[in-house]
Amino acid sequence: MTDGTRRPLAVVTGASRGLGEVVARFLASAGYDLVLVARGEEALADAGASVRALGAQVATVAGDVSAASVRASVRAAVERQGPLELLVNNASELGPSSRPTLTHVPTADFERVFRVNVVAPVELIATLLPSLRAAKTPLVVNISSDAAVGAYPGWGAYGASKAALDLVSRTLATELAESHVSVVAVDPGDLRTAMHQAAFLGEDISDRPLPDVTVPFWAWLLGREPGEVNGRRFQAQADRWGAPP
C-alpha cells in the first residue's frame, strides 16, 4: 500500500503494549511510518522508541481515543505526515475485571465499553477520513474478538461491543466503498496480554500465545489489495485466511 515515493503512514491505537505494539513493530519493519496512540504516556514513549529503532518515523499521542481532543491531536499528527494508508483501531475497554453477568454490569461501565470499543473507532475514522480518502489504497482495520460470537458468560458487555463493531465494520465497508476506503474486522484470537490477564485475575494464562503469533496474518493481509478484502471479518489465528467468508 505505497506509491513507491514515500513510506506509507499508519495509525495504531492501543499501541503501547500487547497486540498494538506488535502490530506497530511489524508495520515499522514493513516500511511504514507511524502515529501511535495509547493512554499510558510512559509505556507509549517506550513503545515509540522501540519502533523508531526499526527505522520508522514515529509520532505519539498519549490519551484516551474516546476524547475529541485526543482524536484532534491524532488528526494533526497525520496531517503532518499523511495521507493515511492504514488505520488500526485496536484500543479496547474490557469492562469490570470481575466479569459480572450482563444484568449486573454497572450502567456506567456498560456505556464506557461501548464508548471506547464502538463509538470511538467510528469517530476516529470520521476524523481521519479526509486523509484516508487522499491515500492511494487506504485500509481500516477494526480489532474484534471471539467474544463477539462466543456468548461467553461474564464477557457480555465486551462481547456485545465487539459484535457491534463487526456490524459497524461491514456497514462502513459499504458506505465508504465509493471513497475507495476499505474496512475489515480482525479477531486476533486468544492472546496472552495484560487485558486478557485482567479478565482472569489470579489465573495462569501462560497457555495463550503471545501477540507475535499474529504477525504472519498481518503480512498476509497487507499483501492483499484492500478492495479484495473489503467488508470481510478475519481470524488471525485461523488456518486459512483467504477462504471465502
C-alpha atoms as a PDB file:
ATOM      1  CA  MET A   1       0.000   0.000   0.000  1.00  0.00           C
ATOM      2  CA  THR A   2       2.607   2.521  -1.060  1.00  0.00           C
ATOM      3  CA  ASP A   3       3.148   4.513  -4.236  1.00  0.00           C
ATOM      4  CA  GLY A   4       6.907   3.934  -4.151  1.00  0.00           C
ATOM      5  CA  THR A   5       7.842   7.580  -3.475  1.00  0.00           C
ATOM      6  CA  ARG A   6       7.349   7.683   0.291  1.00  0.00           C
ATOM      7  CA  ARG A   7       6.888   5.433   3.283  1.00  0.00           C
ATOM      8  CA  PRO A   8       3.185   4.758   3.859  1.00  0.00           C
ATOM      9  CA  LEU A   9       1.665   6.091   7.069  1.00  0.00           C
ATOM     10  CA  ALA A  10      -0.294   4.063   9.622  1.00  0.00           C
ATOM     11  CA  VAL A  11      -2.147   4.941  12.824  1.00  0.00           C
ATOM     12  CA  VAL A  12      -2.337   2.289  15.549  1.00  0.00           C
ATOM     13  CA  THR A  13      -4.403   2.847  18.689  1.00  0.00           C
ATOM     14  CA  GLY A  14      -3.775   0.947  21.894  1.00  0.00           C
ATOM     15  CA  ALA A  15      -0.167   0.799  20.709  1.00  0.00           C
ATOM     16  CA  SER A  16       1.780   0.895  23.970  1.00  0.00           C
ATOM     17  CA  ARG A  17       1.704  -2.846  24.660  1.00  0.00           C
ATOM     18  CA  GLY A  18       0.300  -6.204  23.622  1.00  0.00           C
ATOM     19  CA  LEU A  19      -1.187  -6.624  20.189  1.00  0.00           C
ATOM     20  CA  GLY A  20      -0.987  -2.922  19.350  1.00  0.00           C
ATOM     21  CA  GLU A  21       2.756  -2.772  19.971  1.00  0.00           C
ATOM     22  CA  VAL A  22       3.326  -5.971  17.979  1.00  0.00           C
ATOM     23  CA  VAL A  23       1.364  -4.546  15.035  1.00  0.00           C
ATOM     24  CA  ALA A  24       3.297  -1.271  15.256  1.00  0.00           C
ATOM     25  CA  ARG A  25       6.641  -3.042  15.257  1.00  0.00           C
ATOM     26  CA  PHE A  26       5.600  -5.205  12.321  1.00  0.00           C
ATOM     27  CA  LEU A  27       4.478  -2.170  10.345  1.00  0.00           C
ATOM     28  CA  ALA A  28       7.739  -0.355  11.045  1.00  0.00           C
ATOM     29  CA  SER A  29       9.659  -3.383   9.796  1.00  0.00           C
ATOM     30  CA  ALA A  30       7.425  -3.449   6.715  1.00  0.00           C
ATOM     31  CA  GLY A  31       8.349   0.140   5.846  1.00  0.00           C
ATOM     32  CA  TYR A  32       5.579   2.199   7.450  1.00  0.00           C
ATOM     33  CA  ASP A  33       5.870   5.432   9.383  1.00  0.00           C
ATOM     34  CA  LEU A  34       3.522   5.546  12.335  1.00  0.00           C
ATOM     35  CA  VAL A  35       1.305   7.566  14.612  1.00  0.00           C
ATOM     36  CA  LEU A  36       0.916   5.605  17.842  1.00  0.00           C
ATOM     37  CA  VAL A  37      -1.894   6.280  20.307  1.00  0.00           C
ATOM     38  CA  ALA A  38      -2.369   4.938  23.837  1.00  0.00           C
ATOM     39  CA  ARG A  39      -3.472   6.021  27.279  1.00  0.00           C
ATOM     40  CA  GLY A  40      -0.277   5.224  29.176  1.00  0.00           C
ATOM     41  CA  GLU A  41       2.171   8.017  28.404  1.00  0.00           C
ATOM     42  CA  GLU A  42       5.304   6.324  29.761  1.00  0.00           C
ATOM     43  CA  ALA A  43       4.574   2.947  28.137  1.00  0.00           C
ATOM     44  CA  LEU A  44       3.723   4.713  24.885  1.00  0.00           C
ATOM     45  CA  ALA A  45       7.028   6.585  24.923  1.00  0.00           C
ATOM     46  CA  ASP A  46       8.868   3.281  25.386  1.00  0.00           C
ATOM     47  CA  ALA A  47       6.915   1.667  22.549  1.00  0.00           C
ATOM     48  CA  GLY A  48       7.598   4.659  20.322  1.00  0.00           C
ATOM     49  CA  ALA A  49      11.325   4.393  20.967  1.00  0.00           C
ATOM     50  CA  SER A  50      11.376   0.675  20.143  1.00  0.00           C
ATOM     51  CA  VAL A  51       9.511   1.310  16.896  1.00  0.00           C
ATOM     52  CA  ARG A  52      11.807   4.196  15.911  1.00  0.00           C
ATOM     53  CA  ALA A  53      14.746   1.835  16.368  1.00  0.00           C
ATOM     54  CA  LEU A  54      13.338  -0.140  13.428  1.00  0.00           C
ATOM     55  CA  GLY A  55      13.791   2.855  11.135  1.00  0.00           C
ATOM     56  CA  ALA A  56      10.307   4.377  11.203  1.00  0.00           C
ATOM     57  CA  GLN A  57       9.351   7.971  11.789  1.00  0.00           C
ATOM     58  CA  VAL A  58       7.046   7.850  14.798  1.00  0.00           C
ATOM     59  CA  ALA A  59       4.684  10.376  16.337  1.00  0.00           C
ATOM     60  CA  THR A  60       2.996   9.511  19.640  1.00  0.00           C
ATOM     61  CA  VAL A  61      -0.290  10.788  21.028  1.00  0.00           C
ATOM     62  CA  ALA A  62      -0.927   9.962  24.678  1.00  0.00           C
ATOM     63  CA  GLY A  63      -4.561   9.919  25.711  1.00  0.00           C
ATOM     64  CA  ASP A  64      -7.928   8.220  25.503  1.00  0.00           C
ATOM     65  CA  VAL A  65      -9.066   7.953  21.902  1.00  0.00           C
ATOM     66  CA  SER A  66     -12.674   8.368  23.040  1.00  0.00           C
ATOM     67  CA  ALA A  67     -11.833  12.026  23.795  1.00  0.00           C
ATOM     68  CA  ALA A  68     -12.356  14.523  20.965  1.00  0.00           C
ATOM     69  CA  SER A  69      -9.187  16.407  21.929  1.00  0.00           C
ATOM     70  CA  VAL A  70      -7.098  13.253  21.535  1.00  0.00           C
ATOM     71  CA  ARG A  71      -8.632  12.487  18.138  1.00  0.00           C
ATOM     72  CA  ALA A  72      -7.842  16.054  17.073  1.00  0.00           C
ATOM     73  CA  SER A  73      -4.203  15.515  18.095  1.00  0.00           C
ATOM     74  CA  VAL A  74      -4.110  12.312  16.053  1.00  0.00           C
ATOM     75  CA  ARG A  75      -5.503  14.172  13.053  1.00  0.00           C
ATOM     76  CA  ALA A  76      -2.866  16.901  13.438  1.00  0.00           C
ATOM     77  CA  ALA A  77      -0.091  14.290  13.580  1.00  0.00           C
ATOM     78  CA  VAL A  78      -1.469  12.572  10.483  1.00  0.00           C
ATOM     79  CA  GLU A  79      -1.756  15.844   8.577  1.00  0.00           C
ATOM     80  CA  ARG A  80       1.940  16.485   9.214  1.00  0.00           C
ATOM     81  CA  GLN A  81       2.884  13.104   7.710  1.00  0.00           C
ATOM     82  CA  GLY A  82      -0.123  11.912   5.653  1.00  0.00           C
ATOM     83  CA  PRO A  83      -2.001  10.853   3.639  1.00  0.00           C
ATOM     84  CA  LEU A  84      -3.079   7.906   5.764  1.00  0.00           C
ATOM     85  CA  GLU A  85      -2.829   4.440   4.233  1.00  0.00           C
ATOM     86  CA  LEU A  86      -3.741   2.327   7.263  1.00  0.00           C
ATOM     87  CA  LEU A  87      -5.759   2.824  10.453  1.00  0.00           C
ATOM     88  CA  VAL A  88      -5.759   0.063  13.063  1.00  0.00           C
ATOM     89  CA  ASN A  89      -8.453   0.604  15.705  1.00  0.00           C
ATOM     90  CA  ASN A  90      -7.019  -1.619  18.423  1.00  0.00           C
ATOM     91  CA  ALA A  91      -7.709   0.331  21.642  1.00  0.00           C
ATOM     92  CA  SER A  92     -10.320  -1.518  23.684  1.00  0.00           C
ATOM     93  CA  GLU A  93     -12.078  -1.403  27.035  1.00  0.00           C
ATOM     94  CA  LEU A  94     -12.675  -4.707  28.846  1.00  0.00           C
ATOM     95  CA  GLY A  95     -15.161  -3.512  31.443  1.00  0.00           C
ATOM     96  CA  PRO A  96     -15.199  -4.770  35.055  1.00  0.00           C
ATOM     97  CA  SER A  97     -12.422  -7.329  35.527  1.00  0.00           C
ATOM     98  CA  SER A  98     -14.679  -9.278  37.876  1.00  0.00           C
ATOM     99  CA  ARG A  99     -16.655 -10.300  34.766  1.00  0.00           C
ATOM    100  CA  PRO A 100     -20.156  -9.713  36.152  1.00  0.00           C
ATOM    101  CA  THR A 101     -23.147 -11.167  34.347  1.00  0.00           C
ATOM    102  CA  LEU A 102     -24.861  -8.759  31.965  1.00  0.00           C
ATOM    103  CA  THR A 103     -27.641  -7.878  34.393  1.00  0.00           C
ATOM    104  CA  HIS A 104     -25.031  -6.885  36.979  1.00  0.00           C
ATOM    105  CA  VAL A 105     -22.782  -4.721  34.786  1.00  0.00           C
ATOM    106  CA  PRO A 106     -22.990  -1.155  36.146  1.00  0.00           C
ATOM    107  CA  THR A 107     -24.536   1.194  33.601  1.00  0.00           C
ATOM    108  CA  ALA A 108     -21.515   3.483  33.612  1.00  0.00           C
ATOM    109  CA  ASP A 109     -19.219   0.551  32.798  1.00  0.00           C
ATOM    110  CA  PHE A 110     -21.530  -0.694  30.045  1.00  0.00           C
ATOM    111  CA  GLU A 111     -21.585   2.742  28.453  1.00  0.00           C
ATOM    112  CA  ARG A 112     -17.818   3.106  28.802  1.00  0.00           C
ATOM    113  CA  VAL A 113     -17.210  -0.204  27.000  1.00  0.00           C
ATOM    114  CA  PHE A 114     -19.384   0.839  24.069  1.00  0.00           C
ATOM    115  CA  ARG A 115     -17.931   4.334  24.043  1.00  0.00           C
ATOM    116  CA  VAL A 116     -14.361   3.039  23.648  1.00  0.00           C
ATOM    117  CA  ASN A 117     -14.986  -0.094  21.580  1.00  0.00           C
ATOM    118  CA  VAL A 118     -17.663   1.118  19.148  1.00  0.00           C
ATOM    119  CA  VAL A 119     -18.212   4.865  19.166  1.00  0.00           C
ATOM    120  CA  ALA A 120     -14.559   5.930  19.374  1.00  0.00           C
ATOM    121  CA  PRO A 121     -13.438   3.878  16.333  1.00  0.00           C
ATOM    122  CA  VAL A 122     -16.249   5.349  14.244  1.00  0.00           C
ATOM    123  CA  GLU A 123     -15.420   8.869  15.408  1.00  0.00           C
ATOM    124  CA  LEU A 124     -11.718   8.353  14.698  1.00  0.00           C
ATOM    125  CA  ILE A 125     -12.498   7.087  11.202  1.00  0.00           C
ATOM    126  CA  ALA A 126     -14.665  10.156  10.623  1.00  0.00           C
ATOM    127  CA  THR A 127     -11.894  12.425  11.933  1.00  0.00           C
ATOM    128  CA  LEU A 128      -9.272  10.860   9.674  1.00  0.00           C
ATOM    129  CA  LEU A 129     -11.494  10.272   6.649  1.00  0.00           C
ATOM    130  CA  PRO A 130     -10.121  13.198   4.570  1.00  0.00           C
ATOM    131  CA  SER A 131      -6.602  11.811   4.917  1.00  0.00           C
ATOM    132  CA  LEU A 132      -7.767   8.259   4.206  1.00  0.00           C
ATOM    133  CA  ARG A 133      -9.559   9.436   1.073  1.00  0.00           C
ATOM    134  CA  ALA A 134      -6.365  11.143  -0.092  1.00  0.00           C
ATOM    135  CA  ALA A 135      -4.388   7.890   0.104  1.00  0.00           C
ATOM    136  CA  LYS A 136      -3.953   5.503  -2.799  1.00  0.00           C
ATOM    137  CA  THR A 137      -5.283   2.276  -1.257  1.00  0.00           C
ATOM    138  CA  PRO A 138      -6.468   3.087   2.292  1.00  0.00           C
ATOM    139  CA  LEU A 139      -7.481   0.345   4.710  1.00  0.00           C
ATOM    140  CA  VAL A 140      -9.180   0.492   8.116  1.00  0.00           C
ATOM    141  CA  VAL A 141      -8.754  -2.490  10.447  1.00  0.00           C
ATOM    142  CA  ASN A 142     -11.111  -2.753  13.416  1.00  0.00           C
ATOM    143  CA  ILE A 143      -9.924  -5.236  16.049  1.00  0.00           C
ATOM    144  CA  SER A 144     -12.746  -7.564  17.041  1.00  0.00           C
ATOM    145  CA  SER A 145     -12.767 -10.606  19.331  1.00  0.00           C
ATOM    146  CA  ASP A 146     -14.017 -14.166  19.511  1.00  0.00           C
ATOM    147  CA  ALA A 147     -16.227 -12.820  22.310  1.00  0.00           C
ATOM    148  CA  ALA A 148     -18.264 -11.123  19.567  1.00  0.00           C
ATOM    149  CA  VAL A 149     -19.680 -14.516  18.580  1.00  0.00           C
ATOM    150  CA  GLY A 150     -18.973 -16.677  21.622  1.00  0.00           C
ATOM    151  CA  ALA A 151     -21.671 -15.509  24.088  1.00  0.00           C
ATOM    152  CA  TYR A 152     -19.250 -16.198  26.944  1.00  0.00           C
ATOM    153  CA  PRO A 153     -20.670 -15.728  30.462  1.00  0.00           C
ATOM    154  CA  GLY A 154     -19.070 -12.701  32.098  1.00  0.00           C
ATOM    155  CA  TRP A 155     -17.963 -11.228  28.776  1.00  0.00           C
ATOM    156  CA  GLY A 156     -21.364  -9.890  27.723  1.00  0.00           C
ATOM    157  CA  ALA A 157     -20.651  -6.152  27.612  1.00  0.00           C
ATOM    158  CA  TYR A 158     -17.293  -6.588  25.904  1.00  0.00           C
ATOM    159  CA  GLY A 159     -18.628  -9.224  23.505  1.00  0.00           C
ATOM    160  CA  ALA A 160     -21.672  -7.146  22.625  1.00  0.00           C
ATOM    161  CA  SER A 161     -19.454  -4.157  21.865  1.00  0.00           C
ATOM    162  CA  LYS A 162     -17.247  -6.225  19.567  1.00  0.00           C
ATOM    163  CA  ALA A 163     -20.298  -7.702  17.830  1.00  0.00           C
ATOM    164  CA  ALA A 164     -21.475  -4.144  17.251  1.00  0.00           C
ATOM    165  CA  LEU A 165     -18.026  -3.241  15.920  1.00  0.00           C
ATOM    166  CA  ASP A 166     -18.262  -6.134  13.455  1.00  0.00           C
ATOM    167  CA  LEU A 167     -21.531  -4.752  12.112  1.00  0.00           C
ATOM    168  CA  VAL A 168     -20.097  -1.235  12.061  1.00  0.00           C
ATOM    169  CA  SER A 169     -17.163  -2.554  10.019  1.00  0.00           C
ATOM    170  CA  ARG A 170     -19.395  -4.211   7.425  1.00  0.00           C
ATOM    171  CA  THR A 171     -21.587  -1.126   7.183  1.00  0.00           C
ATOM    172  CA  LEU A 172     -18.631   1.228   6.777  1.00  0.00           C
ATOM    173  CA  ALA A 173     -17.174  -1.085   4.141  1.00  0.00           C
ATOM    174  CA  THR A 174     -20.294  -0.474   2.075  1.00  0.00           C
ATOM    175  CA  GLU A 175     -20.702   3.204   2.878  1.00  0.00           C
ATOM    176  CA  LEU A 176     -17.071   4.108   2.166  1.00  0.00           C
ATOM    177  CA  ALA A 177     -16.624   1.957  -0.943  1.00  0.00           C
ATOM    178  CA  GLU A 178     -17.233   4.897  -3.271  1.00  0.00           C
ATOM    179  CA  SER A 179     -14.405   6.729  -1.496  1.00  0.00           C
ATOM    180  CA  HIS A 180     -12.132   3.707  -2.085  1.00  0.00           C
ATOM    181  CA  VAL A 181     -11.650   3.280   1.674  1.00  0.00           C
ATOM    182  CA  SER A 182     -11.741  -0.405   2.603  1.00  0.00           C
ATOM    183  CA  VAL A 183     -12.722  -1.685   6.058  1.00  0.00           C
ATOM    184  CA  VAL A 184     -12.171  -5.081   7.666  1.00  0.00           C
ATOM    185  CA  ALA A 185     -12.652  -6.589  11.115  1.00  0.00           C
ATOM    186  CA  VAL A 186      -9.974  -8.841  12.609  1.00  0.00           C
ATOM    187  CA  ASP A 187     -10.382 -11.259  15.501  1.00  0.00           C
ATOM    188  CA  PRO A 188      -6.806 -11.768  16.753  1.00  0.00           C
ATOM    189  CA  GLY A 189      -7.772 -14.842  18.775  1.00  0.00           C
ATOM    190  CA  ASP A 190      -6.978 -15.717  22.370  1.00  0.00           C
ATOM    191  CA  LEU A 191      -3.733 -13.987  23.344  1.00  0.00           C
ATOM    192  CA  ARG A 192      -1.505 -13.581  26.397  1.00  0.00           C
ATOM    193  CA  THR A 193      -1.965  -9.863  27.015  1.00  0.00           C
ATOM    194  CA  ALA A 194      -2.415  -7.572  30.001  1.00  0.00           C
ATOM    195  CA  MET A 195      -6.093  -7.064  29.171  1.00  0.00           C
ATOM    196  CA  HIS A 196      -6.693 -10.793  28.949  1.00  0.00           C
ATOM    197  CA  GLN A 197      -4.900 -11.286  32.253  1.00  0.00           C
ATOM    198  CA  ALA A 198      -7.138  -8.629  33.809  1.00  0.00           C
ATOM    199  CA  ALA A 199     -10.128 -10.742  32.830  1.00  0.00           C
ATOM    200  CA  PHE A 200      -8.614 -13.753  34.602  1.00  0.00           C
ATOM    201  CA  LEU A 201      -7.233 -12.195  37.771  1.00  0.00           C
ATOM    202  CA  GLY A 202      -5.035 -14.593  39.683  1.00  0.00           C
ATOM    203  CA  GLU A 203      -5.255 -17.267  36.980  1.00  0.00           C
ATOM    204  CA  ASP A 204      -2.467 -18.677  34.855  1.00  0.00           C
ATOM    205  CA  ILE A 205      -2.897 -17.712  31.186  1.00  0.00           C
ATOM    206  CA  SER A 206       0.562 -18.836  30.086  1.00  0.00           C
ATOM    207  CA  ASP A 207      -1.026 -21.372  27.734  1.00  0.00           C
ATOM    208  CA  ARG A 208      -2.232 -18.495  25.500  1.00  0.00           C
ATOM    209  CA  PRO A 209       0.135 -17.457  22.702  1.00  0.00           C
ATOM    210  CA  LEU A 210       1.842 -14.085  22.706  1.00  0.00           C
ATOM    211  CA  PRO A 211       0.558 -11.461  20.231  1.00  0.00           C
ATOM    212  CA  ASP A 212       3.523 -12.180  17.941  1.00  0.00           C
ATOM    213  CA  VAL A 213       1.591 -15.241  16.748  1.00  0.00           C
ATOM    214  CA  THR A 214      -0.490 -12.871  14.607  1.00  0.00           C
ATOM    215  CA  VAL A 215       2.459 -11.481  12.596  1.00  0.00           C
ATOM    216  CA  PRO A 216       2.055 -13.921   9.666  1.00  0.00           C
ATOM    217  CA  PHE A 217      -1.553 -12.814   9.347  1.00  0.00           C
ATOM    218  CA  TRP A 218      -0.620  -9.130   9.192  1.00  0.00           C
ATOM    219  CA  ALA A 219       1.942  -9.894   6.498  1.00  0.00           C
ATOM    220  CA  TRP A 220      -0.742 -11.747   4.528  1.00  0.00           C
ATOM    221  CA  LEU A 221      -3.410  -9.055   4.966  1.00  0.00           C
ATOM    222  CA  LEU A 222      -1.179  -6.190   3.929  1.00  0.00           C
ATOM    223  CA  GLY A 223      -0.110  -8.157   0.892  1.00  0.00           C
ATOM    224  CA  ARG A 224      -3.685  -8.055  -0.426  1.00  0.00           C
ATOM    225  CA  GLU A 225      -5.332  -5.296  -2.387  1.00  0.00           C
ATOM    226  CA  PRO A 226      -7.695  -3.657   0.148  1.00  0.00           C
ATOM    227  CA  GLY A 227     -10.618  -3.846  -2.256  1.00  0.00           C
ATOM    228  CA  GLU A 228     -10.278  -7.634  -2.325  1.00  0.00           C
ATOM    229  CA  VAL A 229     -10.820  -7.932   1.423  1.00  0.00           C
ATOM    230  CA  ASN A 230     -13.263  -5.055   1.949  1.00  0.00           C
ATOM    231  CA  GLY A 231     -16.104  -5.948   4.308  1.00  0.00           C
ATOM    232  CA  ARG A 232     -14.532  -9.211   5.460  1.00  0.00           C
ATOM    233  CA  ARG A 233     -14.021 -10.469   9.010  1.00  0.00           C
ATOM    234  CA  PHE A 234     -10.822 -12.418   9.595  1.00  0.00           C
ATOM    235  CA  GLN A 235      -9.478 -14.657  12.348  1.00  0.00           C
ATOM    236  CA  ALA A 236      -5.765 -14.006  12.673  1.00  0.00           C
ATOM    237  CA  GLN A 237      -5.064 -17.462  14.083  1.00  0.00           C
ATOM    238  CA  ALA A 238      -7.134 -19.359  11.514  1.00  0.00           C
ATOM    239  CA  ASP A 239      -5.550 -21.991   9.293  1.00  0.00           C
ATOM    240  CA  ARG A 240      -6.726 -20.303   6.076  1.00  0.00           C
ATOM    241  CA  TRP A 241      -7.190 -16.539   5.909  1.00  0.00           C
ATOM    242  CA  GLY A 242      -8.255 -16.307   2.280  1.00  0.00           C
ATOM    243  CA  ALA A 243     -11.097 -18.813   2.490  1.00  0.00           C
ATOM    244  CA  PRO A 244     -14.498 -17.484   1.328  1.00  0.00           C
ATOM    245  CA  PRO A 245     -16.415 -15.735   4.141  1.00  0.00           C
END
